[in-house]
Amino acid sequence: MDKNGSITGTDDIAFALARAHRHVNAQLLETLKSRDLPVEQWRILTMLADGQGHAVGSMCERVLLNFSALSKTIDRMVSKALVHRKQDESDNRRVLVYITEFGIELYQACQLDLKNNEPGFDGKLNSTEKSELKSLLERLAQHG
């Protein structure tokens, strides 16, 4: 803070990111609530929507959960028929997680809900600004 009590420098960036996170996360929670889908499960479905199988260990950083929490979340998702586990055909020691048809349907419905509520999420940024922001945030996260 400067002598006038204003937030400056790195603190300003940290607070701006925290405020943006709070806003976006609140909008995301509100949108997903109607589908009874926790944010963590939405992140997992988003990752698995590529149709590829993913090992739990390789998913942790991307979905922002530690191994234990991710495993428990996947167990809950298996019981809801959103995902399934399958042994890796190229390495029998590894188990991969795949999205189910029901999971794809729920993911697509959530994507439509999010698109319909998009102005609340992105501060009405245009496509160039969204792309630039995403790039900057990814760069910032790589240095963490």
N, C-alpha and C. Protein backbone atom coordinates (compact mmCIF):
# COMPACT_ATOMS: atom_id res chain seq x y z
N MET A 1 0.84 -1.18 0.00
CA MET A 1 0.00 0.00 0.00
C MET A 1 0.89 1.24 0.00
N ASP A 2 0.37 2.28 -0.62
CA ASP A 2 1.12 3.53 -0.58
C ASP A 2 0.71 4.33 0.67
N LYS A 3 1.30 5.51 0.83
CA LYS A 3 1.05 6.30 2.04
C LYS A 3 -0.40 6.75 2.18
N ASN A 4 -1.18 6.71 1.09
CA ASN A 4 -2.60 7.08 1.13
C ASN A 4 -3.52 5.89 1.38
N GLY A 5 -2.89 4.71 1.56
CA GLY A 5 -3.68 3.51 1.81
C GLY A 5 -4.18 2.82 0.56
N SER A 6 -3.75 3.29 -0.63
CA SER A 6 -4.17 2.66 -1.88
C SER A 6 -3.34 1.41 -2.13
N ILE A 7 -3.96 0.42 -2.72
CA ILE A 7 -3.26 -0.82 -3.05
C ILE A 7 -2.44 -0.57 -4.31
N THR A 8 -1.18 -1.01 -4.28
CA THR A 8 -0.28 -0.77 -5.41
C THR A 8 0.48 -2.02 -5.78
N GLY A 9 1.09 -1.98 -6.95
CA GLY A 9 2.03 -3.02 -7.40
C GLY A 9 1.45 -4.42 -7.38
N THR A 10 2.25 -5.37 -6.86
CA THR A 10 1.86 -6.77 -6.83
C THR A 10 0.59 -6.98 -6.02
N ASP A 11 0.44 -6.23 -4.93
CA ASP A 11 -0.78 -6.34 -4.14
C ASP A 11 -2.01 -6.03 -4.99
N ASP A 12 -1.90 -5.03 -5.84
CA ASP A 12 -3.00 -4.65 -6.71
C ASP A 12 -3.39 -5.81 -7.63
N ILE A 13 -2.40 -6.48 -8.19
CA ILE A 13 -2.66 -7.63 -9.07
C ILE A 13 -3.29 -8.76 -8.26
N ALA A 14 -2.75 -9.03 -7.09
CA ALA A 14 -3.29 -10.10 -6.25
C ALA A 14 -4.74 -9.83 -5.88
N PHE A 15 -5.04 -8.61 -5.48
CA PHE A 15 -6.42 -8.27 -5.12
C PHE A 15 -7.34 -8.31 -6.34
N ALA A 16 -6.87 -7.82 -7.47
CA ALA A 16 -7.69 -7.85 -8.69
C ALA A 16 -8.00 -9.29 -9.09
N LEU A 17 -7.01 -10.17 -8.99
CA LEU A 17 -7.23 -11.58 -9.31
C LEU A 17 -8.20 -12.21 -8.33
N ALA A 18 -8.04 -11.89 -7.05
CA ALA A 18 -8.94 -12.44 -6.03
C ALA A 18 -10.37 -11.98 -6.26
N ARG A 19 -10.55 -10.71 -6.58
CA ARG A 19 -11.89 -10.19 -6.86
C ARG A 19 -12.49 -10.85 -8.10
N ALA A 20 -11.68 -10.98 -9.14
CA ALA A 20 -12.16 -11.62 -10.37
C ALA A 20 -12.53 -13.08 -10.10
N HIS A 21 -11.69 -13.78 -9.34
CA HIS A 21 -11.97 -15.18 -9.00
C HIS A 21 -13.28 -15.29 -8.23
N ARG A 22 -13.47 -14.42 -7.25
CA ARG A 22 -14.68 -14.45 -6.45
C ARG A 22 -15.91 -14.25 -7.33
N HIS A 23 -15.84 -13.27 -8.22
CA HIS A 23 -16.96 -12.98 -9.11
C HIS A 23 -17.26 -14.15 -10.06
N VAL A 24 -16.25 -14.62 -10.73
CA VAL A 24 -16.43 -15.70 -11.71
C VAL A 24 -16.89 -16.97 -11.01
N ASN A 25 -16.27 -17.30 -9.87
CA ASN A 25 -16.64 -18.52 -9.17
C ASN A 25 -18.08 -18.45 -8.67
N ALA A 26 -18.52 -17.30 -8.18
CA ALA A 26 -19.91 -17.16 -7.73
C ALA A 26 -20.88 -17.36 -8.89
N GLN A 27 -20.55 -16.79 -10.05
CA GLN A 27 -21.40 -16.96 -11.24
C GLN A 27 -21.42 -18.43 -11.68
N LEU A 28 -20.26 -19.06 -11.63
CA LEU A 28 -20.14 -20.47 -12.02
C LEU A 28 -20.95 -21.35 -11.08
N LEU A 29 -20.80 -21.13 -9.77
CA LEU A 29 -21.56 -21.91 -8.78
C LEU A 29 -23.06 -21.76 -9.01
N GLU A 30 -23.50 -20.54 -9.23
CA GLU A 30 -24.93 -20.27 -9.43
C GLU A 30 -25.45 -20.99 -10.69
N THR A 31 -24.68 -20.95 -11.75
CA THR A 31 -25.10 -21.59 -13.00
C THR A 31 -25.13 -23.11 -12.87
N LEU A 32 -24.11 -23.68 -12.24
CA LEU A 32 -24.01 -25.14 -12.13
C LEU A 32 -24.98 -25.70 -11.09
N LYS A 33 -25.40 -24.87 -10.14
CA LYS A 33 -26.31 -25.32 -9.08
C LYS A 33 -27.59 -25.90 -9.66
N SER A 34 -28.09 -25.29 -10.73
CA SER A 34 -29.34 -25.77 -11.32
C SER A 34 -29.19 -27.18 -11.91
N ARG A 35 -27.96 -27.57 -12.19
CA ARG A 35 -27.69 -28.92 -12.72
C ARG A 35 -27.17 -29.86 -11.64
N ASP A 36 -27.14 -29.38 -10.39
CA ASP A 36 -26.65 -30.16 -9.26
C ASP A 36 -25.23 -30.69 -9.53
N LEU A 37 -24.39 -29.80 -10.04
CA LEU A 37 -23.02 -30.19 -10.39
C LEU A 37 -22.03 -29.28 -9.68
N PRO A 38 -21.24 -29.84 -8.76
CA PRO A 38 -20.21 -29.03 -8.11
C PRO A 38 -19.15 -28.56 -9.11
N VAL A 39 -18.52 -27.44 -8.82
CA VAL A 39 -17.51 -26.87 -9.72
C VAL A 39 -16.39 -27.88 -9.99
N GLU A 40 -15.96 -28.60 -8.96
CA GLU A 40 -14.87 -29.57 -9.13
C GLU A 40 -15.25 -30.62 -10.18
N GLN A 41 -16.50 -31.09 -10.13
CA GLN A 41 -16.95 -32.09 -11.10
C GLN A 41 -17.05 -31.48 -12.49
N TRP A 42 -17.47 -30.22 -12.57
CA TRP A 42 -17.51 -29.54 -13.86
C TRP A 42 -16.11 -29.45 -14.47
N ARG A 43 -15.11 -29.13 -13.64
CA ARG A 43 -13.73 -29.07 -14.15
C ARG A 43 -13.29 -30.42 -14.70
N ILE A 44 -13.65 -31.48 -14.00
CA ILE A 44 -13.27 -32.83 -14.44
C ILE A 44 -13.97 -33.16 -15.76
N LEU A 45 -15.28 -32.89 -15.84
CA LEU A 45 -15.99 -33.13 -17.10
C LEU A 45 -15.39 -32.31 -18.24
N THR A 46 -15.00 -31.09 -17.95
CA THR A 46 -14.39 -30.24 -18.97
C THR A 46 -13.12 -30.88 -19.51
N MET A 47 -12.31 -31.41 -18.62
CA MET A 47 -11.07 -32.06 -19.05
C MET A 47 -11.35 -33.34 -19.85
N LEU A 48 -12.32 -34.12 -19.39
CA LEU A 48 -12.62 -35.40 -20.03
C LEU A 48 -13.44 -35.25 -21.31
N ALA A 49 -14.00 -34.07 -21.55
CA ALA A 49 -14.84 -33.85 -22.73
C ALA A 49 -14.06 -34.02 -24.02
N ASP A 50 -12.73 -34.10 -23.94
CA ASP A 50 -11.94 -34.32 -25.15
C ASP A 50 -12.06 -35.75 -25.66
N GLY A 51 -12.74 -36.62 -24.88
CA GLY A 51 -12.97 -38.00 -25.29
C GLY A 51 -11.80 -38.93 -25.02
N GLN A 52 -10.71 -38.38 -24.54
CA GLN A 52 -9.53 -39.18 -24.23
C GLN A 52 -9.62 -39.67 -22.79
N GLY A 53 -9.02 -40.80 -22.53
CA GLY A 53 -8.90 -41.26 -21.16
C GLY A 53 -7.75 -40.54 -20.49
N HIS A 54 -7.91 -40.21 -19.22
CA HIS A 54 -6.86 -39.51 -18.49
C HIS A 54 -6.59 -40.25 -17.18
N ALA A 55 -5.32 -40.38 -16.83
CA ALA A 55 -4.94 -40.96 -15.55
C ALA A 55 -5.19 -39.94 -14.45
N VAL A 56 -5.62 -40.41 -13.30
CA VAL A 56 -5.94 -39.50 -12.20
C VAL A 56 -4.75 -38.62 -11.85
N GLY A 57 -3.57 -39.21 -11.76
CA GLY A 57 -2.38 -38.44 -11.39
C GLY A 57 -2.09 -37.29 -12.33
N SER A 58 -2.36 -37.48 -13.61
CA SER A 58 -2.09 -36.42 -14.58
C SER A 58 -3.19 -35.34 -14.60
N MET A 59 -4.31 -35.61 -13.95
CA MET A 59 -5.43 -34.67 -13.96
C MET A 59 -5.34 -33.66 -12.82
N CYS A 60 -4.62 -33.98 -11.77
CA CYS A 60 -4.65 -33.19 -10.53
C CYS A 60 -4.42 -31.70 -10.74
N GLU A 61 -3.34 -31.34 -11.38
CA GLU A 61 -3.02 -29.92 -11.53
C GLU A 61 -4.06 -29.19 -12.36
N ARG A 62 -4.50 -29.82 -13.41
CA ARG A 62 -5.44 -29.15 -14.32
C ARG A 62 -6.81 -28.91 -13.69
N VAL A 63 -7.26 -29.85 -12.84
CA VAL A 63 -8.58 -29.69 -12.23
C VAL A 63 -8.50 -29.10 -10.82
N LEU A 64 -7.30 -28.74 -10.39
CA LEU A 64 -7.07 -28.02 -9.14
C LEU A 64 -7.46 -28.82 -7.89
N LEU A 65 -7.19 -30.13 -7.91
CA LEU A 65 -7.45 -30.98 -6.75
C LEU A 65 -6.22 -31.86 -6.50
N ASN A 66 -5.98 -32.18 -5.23
CA ASN A 66 -4.90 -33.12 -4.94
C ASN A 66 -5.37 -34.53 -5.28
N PHE A 67 -4.45 -35.47 -5.29
CA PHE A 67 -4.76 -36.84 -5.74
C PHE A 67 -5.90 -37.46 -4.95
N SER A 68 -5.83 -37.34 -3.63
CA SER A 68 -6.85 -37.95 -2.77
C SER A 68 -8.23 -37.35 -3.02
N ALA A 69 -8.31 -36.03 -3.06
CA ALA A 69 -9.60 -35.36 -3.30
C ALA A 69 -10.14 -35.69 -4.69
N LEU A 70 -9.25 -35.75 -5.67
CA LEU A 70 -9.68 -36.07 -7.03
C LEU A 70 -10.21 -37.49 -7.11
N SER A 71 -9.52 -38.43 -6.46
CA SER A 71 -9.98 -39.83 -6.46
C SER A 71 -11.37 -39.95 -5.84
N LYS A 72 -11.59 -39.26 -4.72
CA LYS A 72 -12.90 -39.31 -4.07
C LYS A 72 -13.98 -38.67 -4.94
N THR A 73 -13.63 -37.58 -5.60
CA THR A 73 -14.58 -36.90 -6.47
C THR A 73 -14.94 -37.80 -7.65
N ILE A 74 -13.94 -38.46 -8.21
CA ILE A 74 -14.20 -39.37 -9.32
C ILE A 74 -15.08 -40.53 -8.86
N ASP A 75 -14.86 -41.04 -7.65
CA ASP A 75 -15.73 -42.09 -7.10
C ASP A 75 -17.19 -41.63 -7.09
N ARG A 76 -17.42 -40.39 -6.64
CA ARG A 76 -18.79 -39.85 -6.61
C ARG A 76 -19.34 -39.72 -8.03
N MET A 77 -18.48 -39.32 -8.96
CA MET A 77 -18.92 -39.16 -10.35
C MET A 77 -19.23 -40.50 -11.00
N VAL A 78 -18.48 -41.54 -10.64
CA VAL A 78 -18.76 -42.89 -11.13
C VAL A 78 -20.14 -43.32 -10.64
N SER A 79 -20.43 -43.06 -9.36
CA SER A 79 -21.73 -43.47 -8.81
C SER A 79 -22.88 -42.68 -9.44
N LYS A 80 -22.60 -41.49 -9.99
CA LYS A 80 -23.63 -40.70 -10.69
C LYS A 80 -23.63 -41.00 -12.20
N ALA A 81 -22.82 -41.95 -12.63
CA ALA A 81 -22.71 -42.37 -14.04
C ALA A 81 -22.21 -41.26 -14.96
N LEU A 82 -21.41 -40.32 -14.42
CA LEU A 82 -20.84 -39.25 -15.24
C LEU A 82 -19.53 -39.66 -15.89
N VAL A 83 -18.79 -40.52 -15.22
CA VAL A 83 -17.50 -41.00 -15.73
C VAL A 83 -17.38 -42.49 -15.43
N HIS A 84 -16.42 -43.12 -16.08
CA HIS A 84 -16.10 -44.51 -15.75
C HIS A 84 -14.60 -44.71 -15.85
N ARG A 85 -14.14 -45.73 -15.16
CA ARG A 85 -12.72 -46.07 -15.17
C ARG A 85 -12.51 -47.28 -16.08
N LYS A 86 -11.36 -47.29 -16.74
CA LYS A 86 -11.03 -48.41 -17.62
C LYS A 86 -9.52 -48.62 -17.59
N GLN A 87 -9.12 -49.87 -17.57
CA GLN A 87 -7.69 -50.17 -17.58
C GLN A 87 -7.08 -49.71 -18.91
N ASP A 88 -5.91 -49.09 -18.81
CA ASP A 88 -5.19 -48.62 -19.99
C ASP A 88 -4.73 -49.83 -20.80
N GLU A 89 -5.13 -49.88 -22.07
CA GLU A 89 -4.78 -51.02 -22.92
C GLU A 89 -3.29 -51.10 -23.21
N SER A 90 -2.59 -49.96 -23.18
CA SER A 90 -1.16 -49.97 -23.46
C SER A 90 -0.30 -50.16 -22.21
N ASP A 91 -0.90 -50.03 -21.03
CA ASP A 91 -0.18 -50.21 -19.77
C ASP A 91 -1.17 -50.72 -18.73
N ASN A 92 -1.16 -52.03 -18.52
CA ASN A 92 -2.14 -52.66 -17.64
C ASN A 92 -2.08 -52.18 -16.19
N ARG A 93 -1.01 -51.50 -15.82
CA ARG A 93 -0.88 -51.00 -14.44
C ARG A 93 -1.65 -49.70 -14.25
N ARG A 94 -2.02 -49.07 -15.32
CA ARG A 94 -2.65 -47.75 -15.27
C ARG A 94 -4.15 -47.83 -15.52
N VAL A 95 -4.89 -47.02 -14.79
CA VAL A 95 -6.34 -46.91 -14.99
C VAL A 95 -6.64 -45.51 -15.50
N LEU A 96 -7.46 -45.44 -16.52
CA LEU A 96 -7.84 -44.17 -17.12
C LEU A 96 -9.29 -43.84 -16.79
N VAL A 97 -9.59 -42.57 -16.75
CA VAL A 97 -10.95 -42.10 -16.49
C VAL A 97 -11.51 -41.53 -17.79
N TYR A 98 -12.73 -41.91 -18.12
CA TYR A 98 -13.41 -41.46 -19.33
C TYR A 98 -14.76 -40.86 -18.97
N ILE A 99 -15.21 -39.93 -19.76
CA ILE A 99 -16.55 -39.37 -19.60
C ILE A 99 -17.55 -40.34 -20.23
N THR A 100 -18.73 -40.47 -19.62
CA THR A 100 -19.79 -41.32 -20.16
C THR A 100 -20.70 -40.49 -21.07
N GLU A 101 -21.61 -41.15 -21.75
CA GLU A 101 -22.59 -40.43 -22.58
C GLU A 101 -23.41 -39.48 -21.72
N PHE A 102 -23.82 -39.95 -20.54
CA PHE A 102 -24.58 -39.10 -19.63
C PHE A 102 -23.73 -37.91 -19.19
N GLY A 103 -22.46 -38.15 -18.94
CA GLY A 103 -21.54 -37.07 -18.58
C GLY A 103 -21.40 -36.05 -19.69
N ILE A 104 -21.33 -36.53 -20.93
CA ILE A 104 -21.24 -35.62 -22.09
C ILE A 104 -22.50 -34.77 -22.19
N GLU A 105 -23.67 -35.40 -22.01
CA GLU A 105 -24.93 -34.66 -22.08
C GLU A 105 -24.99 -33.58 -21.01
N LEU A 106 -24.58 -33.91 -19.78
CA LEU A 106 -24.59 -32.94 -18.70
C LEU A 106 -23.58 -31.83 -18.98
N TYR A 107 -22.40 -32.19 -19.45
CA TYR A 107 -21.37 -31.20 -19.77
C TYR A 107 -21.88 -30.23 -20.84
N GLN A 108 -22.50 -30.76 -21.89
CA GLN A 108 -23.01 -29.90 -22.97
C GLN A 108 -24.13 -28.99 -22.48
N ALA A 109 -25.00 -29.51 -21.61
CA ALA A 109 -26.07 -28.69 -21.05
C ALA A 109 -25.48 -27.56 -20.20
N CYS A 110 -24.44 -27.88 -19.42
CA CYS A 110 -23.78 -26.85 -18.60
C CYS A 110 -23.10 -25.82 -19.49
N GLN A 111 -22.47 -26.26 -20.56
CA GLN A 111 -21.82 -25.32 -21.47
C GLN A 111 -22.83 -24.36 -22.07
N LEU A 112 -24.00 -24.86 -22.41
CA LEU A 112 -25.07 -24.01 -22.93
C LEU A 112 -25.52 -23.01 -21.87
N ASP A 113 -25.71 -23.49 -20.63
CA ASP A 113 -26.08 -22.60 -19.53
C ASP A 113 -25.02 -21.51 -19.35
N LEU A 114 -23.77 -21.90 -19.37
CA LEU A 114 -22.68 -20.94 -19.17
C LEU A 114 -22.63 -19.93 -20.32
N LYS A 115 -22.86 -20.41 -21.53
CA LYS A 115 -22.86 -19.50 -22.68
C LYS A 115 -24.00 -18.49 -22.56
N ASN A 116 -25.15 -18.96 -22.11
CA ASN A 116 -26.30 -18.06 -21.94
C ASN A 116 -26.07 -17.03 -20.84
N ASN A 117 -25.21 -17.36 -19.88
CA ASN A 117 -24.89 -16.44 -18.78
C ASN A 117 -23.54 -15.78 -18.97
N GLU A 118 -22.95 -15.90 -20.15
CA GLU A 118 -21.59 -15.45 -20.41
C GLU A 118 -21.30 -14.01 -20.00
N PRO A 119 -22.16 -13.04 -20.25
CA PRO A 119 -21.81 -11.67 -19.84
C PRO A 119 -21.50 -11.54 -18.35
N GLY A 120 -22.12 -12.38 -17.53
CA GLY A 120 -21.84 -12.35 -16.11
C GLY A 120 -20.48 -12.91 -15.75
N PHE A 121 -19.92 -13.73 -16.61
CA PHE A 121 -18.64 -14.37 -16.33
C PHE A 121 -17.45 -13.56 -16.80
N ASP A 122 -17.57 -13.00 -17.97
CA ASP A 122 -16.37 -12.46 -18.60
C ASP A 122 -16.30 -10.93 -18.60
N GLY A 123 -17.15 -10.29 -17.86
CA GLY A 123 -17.10 -8.84 -17.81
C GLY A 123 -17.35 -8.20 -19.16
N LYS A 124 -18.06 -8.92 -20.02
CA LYS A 124 -18.39 -8.42 -21.36
C LYS A 124 -17.15 -8.14 -22.21
N LEU A 125 -16.16 -9.00 -22.06
CA LEU A 125 -14.96 -8.88 -22.88
C LEU A 125 -15.25 -9.36 -24.28
N ASN A 126 -14.60 -8.76 -25.27
CA ASN A 126 -14.74 -9.27 -26.63
C ASN A 126 -13.83 -10.48 -26.80
N SER A 127 -13.93 -11.16 -27.91
CA SER A 127 -13.18 -12.41 -28.10
C SER A 127 -11.66 -12.20 -28.06
N THR A 128 -11.18 -11.09 -28.57
CA THR A 128 -9.74 -10.80 -28.53
C THR A 128 -9.30 -10.59 -27.09
N GLU A 129 -10.07 -9.84 -26.32
CA GLU A 129 -9.74 -9.60 -24.92
C GLU A 129 -9.77 -10.89 -24.11
N LYS A 130 -10.76 -11.75 -24.38
CA LYS A 130 -10.84 -13.04 -23.68
C LYS A 130 -9.60 -13.87 -23.97
N SER A 131 -9.20 -13.92 -25.23
CA SER A 131 -8.03 -14.68 -25.62
C SER A 131 -6.76 -14.14 -24.96
N GLU A 132 -6.63 -12.82 -24.96
CA GLU A 132 -5.47 -12.19 -24.32
C GLU A 132 -5.44 -12.46 -22.82
N LEU A 133 -6.59 -12.33 -22.17
CA LEU A 133 -6.67 -12.57 -20.73
C LEU A 133 -6.31 -14.01 -20.41
N LYS A 134 -6.86 -14.95 -21.16
CA LYS A 134 -6.56 -16.36 -20.93
C LYS A 134 -5.07 -16.61 -21.08
N SER A 135 -4.47 -16.06 -22.11
CA SER A 135 -3.04 -16.22 -22.35
C SER A 135 -2.22 -15.64 -21.19
N LEU A 136 -2.58 -14.45 -20.75
CA LEU A 136 -1.87 -13.81 -19.64
C LEU A 136 -2.01 -14.61 -18.34
N LEU A 137 -3.21 -15.09 -18.05
CA LEU A 137 -3.42 -15.87 -16.85
C LEU A 137 -2.66 -17.20 -16.88
N GLU A 138 -2.63 -17.84 -18.05
CA GLU A 138 -1.87 -19.08 -18.18
C GLU A 138 -0.38 -18.83 -17.98
N ARG A 139 0.10 -17.73 -18.53
CA ARG A 139 1.51 -17.37 -18.34
C ARG A 139 1.81 -17.10 -16.87
N LEU A 140 0.94 -16.38 -16.21
CA LEU A 140 1.10 -16.09 -14.80
C LEU A 140 1.10 -17.37 -13.97
N ALA A 141 0.21 -18.31 -14.30
CA ALA A 141 0.12 -19.57 -13.56
C ALA A 141 1.37 -20.42 -13.76
N GLN A 142 2.02 -20.33 -14.90
CA GLN A 142 3.23 -21.13 -15.16
C GLN A 142 4.39 -20.68 -14.28
N HIS A 143 4.36 -19.45 -13.82
CA HIS A 143 5.46 -18.96 -13.01
C HIS A 143 5.24 -19.23 -11.52
N GLY A 144 4.11 -19.84 -11.20
CA GLY A 144 3.76 -20.07 -9.80
C GLY A 144 4.41 -21.25 -9.19
